[in-house]
Amino acid sequence: MIKAFNAMFAEYIMADPCHHDGRQVLFFAVDDDTVNAEFAAFGEALGFAAVLVGGLREGGRLMQLGGPLTALHVIKQD
């Protein structure tokens, strides 16, 4: 199981994740190392800068409604 995308406004998901300043960060949480690598590669292939924030329990709390990563718009400078 993966937690991702639900902490972002739709306008940031729909838009091109590559900006002139860098790439839109995609925070995600997962417990499985294999799934972590696969999802990170998937996010990068979509153009996002995939950032693992921890396992589902800890990382999921950061992204839940009212958490510090909810609707946070972050650009990773490449």
N, C-alpha and C. Protein backbone atom coordinates (compact mmCIF):
# COMPACT_ATOMS: atom_id res chain seq x y z
N MET A 1 0.83 -1.17 0.00
CA MET A 1 0.00 0.00 0.00
C MET A 1 0.88 1.24 0.00
N ILE A 2 0.44 2.26 -0.73
CA ILE A 2 1.17 3.51 -0.86
C ILE A 2 0.22 4.67 -0.53
N LYS A 3 0.72 5.67 0.14
CA LYS A 3 -0.04 6.90 0.35
C LYS A 3 0.69 7.99 -0.41
N ALA A 4 -0.01 8.56 -1.39
CA ALA A 4 0.57 9.62 -2.22
C ALA A 4 -0.55 10.37 -2.93
N PHE A 5 -0.23 11.51 -3.46
CA PHE A 5 -1.15 12.34 -4.25
C PHE A 5 -2.29 12.95 -3.46
N ASN A 6 -2.79 12.29 -2.41
CA ASN A 6 -3.95 12.80 -1.71
C ASN A 6 -3.65 14.05 -0.89
N ALA A 7 -2.39 14.38 -0.71
CA ALA A 7 -2.01 15.56 0.06
C ALA A 7 -1.79 16.78 -0.84
N MET A 8 -2.04 16.62 -2.15
CA MET A 8 -1.79 17.69 -3.11
C MET A 8 -3.09 18.23 -3.68
N PHE A 9 -3.12 19.53 -3.96
CA PHE A 9 -4.25 20.10 -4.67
C PHE A 9 -4.27 19.55 -6.10
N ALA A 10 -5.45 19.33 -6.64
CA ALA A 10 -5.58 18.78 -7.98
C ALA A 10 -4.88 19.63 -9.02
N GLU A 11 -4.88 20.95 -8.83
CA GLU A 11 -4.24 21.83 -9.82
C GLU A 11 -2.75 21.54 -9.93
N TYR A 12 -2.12 21.04 -8.87
CA TYR A 12 -0.69 20.71 -8.92
C TYR A 12 -0.45 19.33 -9.53
N ILE A 13 -1.44 18.45 -9.43
CA ILE A 13 -1.33 17.12 -10.03
C ILE A 13 -1.59 17.21 -11.53
N MET A 14 -2.61 18.00 -11.91
CA MET A 14 -2.99 18.11 -13.33
C MET A 14 -1.95 18.85 -14.15
N ALA A 15 -1.32 19.83 -13.55
CA ALA A 15 -0.35 20.64 -14.29
C ALA A 15 0.94 19.86 -14.54
N ASP A 16 1.73 20.34 -15.46
CA ASP A 16 3.03 19.75 -15.73
C ASP A 16 3.88 19.88 -14.47
N PRO A 17 4.39 18.77 -13.92
CA PRO A 17 5.17 18.86 -12.69
C PRO A 17 6.56 19.48 -12.87
N CYS A 18 6.95 19.69 -14.12
CA CYS A 18 8.25 20.31 -14.39
C CYS A 18 8.03 21.81 -14.60
N HIS A 19 8.67 22.60 -13.78
CA HIS A 19 8.56 24.05 -13.84
C HIS A 19 9.92 24.63 -14.22
N HIS A 20 9.96 25.90 -14.55
CA HIS A 20 11.25 26.51 -14.91
C HIS A 20 12.19 26.53 -13.71
N ASP A 21 11.65 26.48 -12.50
CA ASP A 21 12.49 26.48 -11.30
C ASP A 21 12.86 25.08 -10.81
N GLY A 22 12.21 24.05 -11.33
CA GLY A 22 12.47 22.68 -10.88
C GLY A 22 11.26 21.80 -11.08
N ARG A 23 11.14 20.77 -10.24
CA ARG A 23 10.03 19.81 -10.35
C ARG A 23 9.18 19.82 -9.08
N GLN A 24 7.88 19.63 -9.28
CA GLN A 24 6.93 19.53 -8.17
C GLN A 24 7.29 18.31 -7.32
N VAL A 25 7.39 18.49 -6.03
CA VAL A 25 7.68 17.39 -5.12
C VAL A 25 6.41 16.57 -4.90
N LEU A 26 6.57 15.26 -4.97
CA LEU A 26 5.49 14.31 -4.69
C LEU A 26 5.88 13.54 -3.43
N PHE A 27 5.28 13.91 -2.30
CA PHE A 27 5.54 13.19 -1.06
C PHE A 27 4.79 11.87 -1.11
N PHE A 28 5.42 10.82 -0.60
CA PHE A 28 4.74 9.53 -0.52
C PHE A 28 5.24 8.75 0.68
N ALA A 29 4.38 7.84 1.15
CA ALA A 29 4.71 6.99 2.29
C ALA A 29 4.43 5.55 1.90
N VAL A 30 5.34 4.67 2.32
CA VAL A 30 5.19 3.24 2.00
C VAL A 30 6.04 2.44 2.99
N ASP A 31 5.61 1.23 3.28
CA ASP A 31 6.35 0.38 4.23
C ASP A 31 7.32 -0.59 3.56
N ASP A 32 7.11 -0.89 2.31
CA ASP A 32 7.87 -1.92 1.61
C ASP A 32 8.99 -1.29 0.76
N ASP A 33 10.23 -1.72 0.96
CA ASP A 33 11.37 -1.15 0.24
C ASP A 33 11.27 -1.36 -1.27
N THR A 34 10.77 -2.51 -1.70
CA THR A 34 10.64 -2.78 -3.13
C THR A 34 9.60 -1.85 -3.75
N VAL A 35 8.47 -1.73 -3.07
CA VAL A 35 7.41 -0.84 -3.56
C VAL A 35 7.91 0.61 -3.53
N ASN A 36 8.70 0.96 -2.53
CA ASN A 36 9.29 2.30 -2.44
C ASN A 36 10.05 2.62 -3.71
N ALA A 37 10.96 1.74 -4.09
CA ALA A 37 11.79 1.97 -5.29
C ALA A 37 10.92 2.05 -6.55
N GLU A 38 9.93 1.16 -6.65
CA GLU A 38 9.07 1.15 -7.84
C GLU A 38 8.22 2.42 -7.93
N PHE A 39 7.65 2.85 -6.80
CA PHE A 39 6.81 4.04 -6.84
C PHE A 39 7.65 5.29 -7.06
N ALA A 40 8.84 5.34 -6.47
CA ALA A 40 9.72 6.50 -6.69
C ALA A 40 10.06 6.61 -8.18
N ALA A 41 10.35 5.49 -8.81
CA ALA A 41 10.65 5.50 -10.25
C ALA A 41 9.42 5.93 -11.05
N PHE A 42 8.24 5.47 -10.65
CA PHE A 42 6.99 5.86 -11.31
C PHE A 42 6.77 7.37 -11.19
N GLY A 43 6.91 7.91 -9.99
CA GLY A 43 6.75 9.34 -9.78
C GLY A 43 7.73 10.16 -10.59
N GLU A 44 8.98 9.71 -10.64
CA GLU A 44 10.00 10.40 -11.43
C GLU A 44 9.66 10.32 -12.92
N ALA A 45 9.15 9.17 -13.38
CA ALA A 45 8.78 9.03 -14.79
C ALA A 45 7.64 9.97 -15.16
N LEU A 46 6.77 10.30 -14.20
CA LEU A 46 5.70 11.26 -14.44
C LEU A 46 6.21 12.69 -14.44
N GLY A 47 7.45 12.89 -14.00
CA GLY A 47 8.04 14.23 -13.97
C GLY A 47 8.13 14.84 -12.59
N PHE A 48 7.61 14.16 -11.58
CA PHE A 48 7.67 14.66 -10.21
C PHE A 48 9.03 14.35 -9.58
N ALA A 49 9.34 15.05 -8.51
CA ALA A 49 10.49 14.73 -7.66
C ALA A 49 9.92 13.95 -6.48
N ALA A 50 10.00 12.63 -6.55
CA ALA A 50 9.40 11.77 -5.52
C ALA A 50 10.24 11.81 -4.24
N VAL A 51 9.56 12.04 -3.11
CA VAL A 51 10.25 12.14 -1.82
C VAL A 51 9.54 11.23 -0.82
N LEU A 52 10.23 10.21 -0.36
CA LEU A 52 9.72 9.30 0.66
C LEU A 52 9.74 10.02 2.00
N VAL A 53 8.60 10.03 2.69
CA VAL A 53 8.52 10.70 4.00
C VAL A 53 8.42 9.70 5.14
N GLY A 54 8.56 8.42 4.83
CA GLY A 54 8.55 7.40 5.87
C GLY A 54 7.54 6.31 5.56
N GLY A 55 7.32 5.49 6.57
CA GLY A 55 6.35 4.41 6.45
C GLY A 55 4.93 4.95 6.47
N LEU A 56 3.98 4.05 6.25
CA LEU A 56 2.59 4.47 6.19
C LEU A 56 2.12 5.10 7.50
N ARG A 57 2.56 4.58 8.61
CA ARG A 57 2.10 5.11 9.90
C ARG A 57 2.66 6.52 10.14
N GLU A 58 3.98 6.65 10.07
CA GLU A 58 4.60 7.95 10.36
C GLU A 58 4.41 8.94 9.21
N GLY A 59 4.76 8.52 8.02
CA GLY A 59 4.65 9.40 6.85
C GLY A 59 3.21 9.74 6.52
N GLY A 60 2.33 8.77 6.71
CA GLY A 60 0.92 9.00 6.45
C GLY A 60 0.36 10.10 7.34
N ARG A 61 0.81 10.16 8.57
CA ARG A 61 0.35 11.22 9.48
C ARG A 61 0.79 12.60 9.01
N LEU A 62 1.95 12.67 8.40
CA LEU A 62 2.44 13.96 7.90
C LEU A 62 1.56 14.48 6.77
N MET A 63 0.95 13.54 6.02
CA MET A 63 0.16 13.92 4.85
C MET A 63 -1.34 13.93 5.10
N GLN A 64 -1.78 13.47 6.26
CA GLN A 64 -3.23 13.46 6.50
C GLN A 64 -3.76 14.87 6.66
N LEU A 65 -5.06 15.03 6.53
CA LEU A 65 -5.69 16.33 6.63
C LEU A 65 -5.26 17.03 7.91
N GLY A 66 -4.73 18.22 7.76
CA GLY A 66 -4.24 18.98 8.91
C GLY A 66 -2.79 18.74 9.23
N GLY A 67 -2.16 17.78 8.55
CA GLY A 67 -0.75 17.49 8.77
C GLY A 67 0.13 18.53 8.09
N PRO A 68 1.41 18.57 8.44
CA PRO A 68 2.30 19.61 7.90
C PRO A 68 2.55 19.53 6.39
N LEU A 69 2.29 18.39 5.77
CA LEU A 69 2.53 18.28 4.33
C LEU A 69 1.26 18.39 3.49
N THR A 70 0.12 18.53 4.15
CA THR A 70 -1.15 18.64 3.43
C THR A 70 -1.15 19.90 2.58
N ALA A 71 -1.36 19.72 1.28
CA ALA A 71 -1.47 20.82 0.31
C ALA A 71 -0.22 21.69 0.26
N LEU A 72 0.90 21.16 0.67
CA LEU A 72 2.15 21.91 0.62
C LEU A 72 2.71 21.85 -0.80
N HIS A 73 2.90 22.99 -1.41
CA HIS A 73 3.42 23.09 -2.77
C HIS A 73 4.92 23.33 -2.69
N VAL A 74 5.70 22.32 -3.07
CA VAL A 74 7.15 22.38 -2.96
C VAL A 74 7.77 22.08 -4.32
N ILE A 75 8.74 22.86 -4.70
CA ILE A 75 9.49 22.64 -5.94
C ILE A 75 10.92 22.25 -5.58
N LYS A 76 11.38 21.15 -6.16
CA LYS A 76 12.77 20.73 -5.97
C LYS A 76 13.59 21.33 -7.10
N GLN A 77 14.57 22.11 -6.75
CA GLN A 77 15.46 22.69 -7.76
C GLN A 77 16.41 21.61 -8.25
N ASP A 78 16.45 21.43 -9.54
CA ASP A 78 17.33 20.40 -10.13
C ASP A 78 18.63 21.01 -10.59
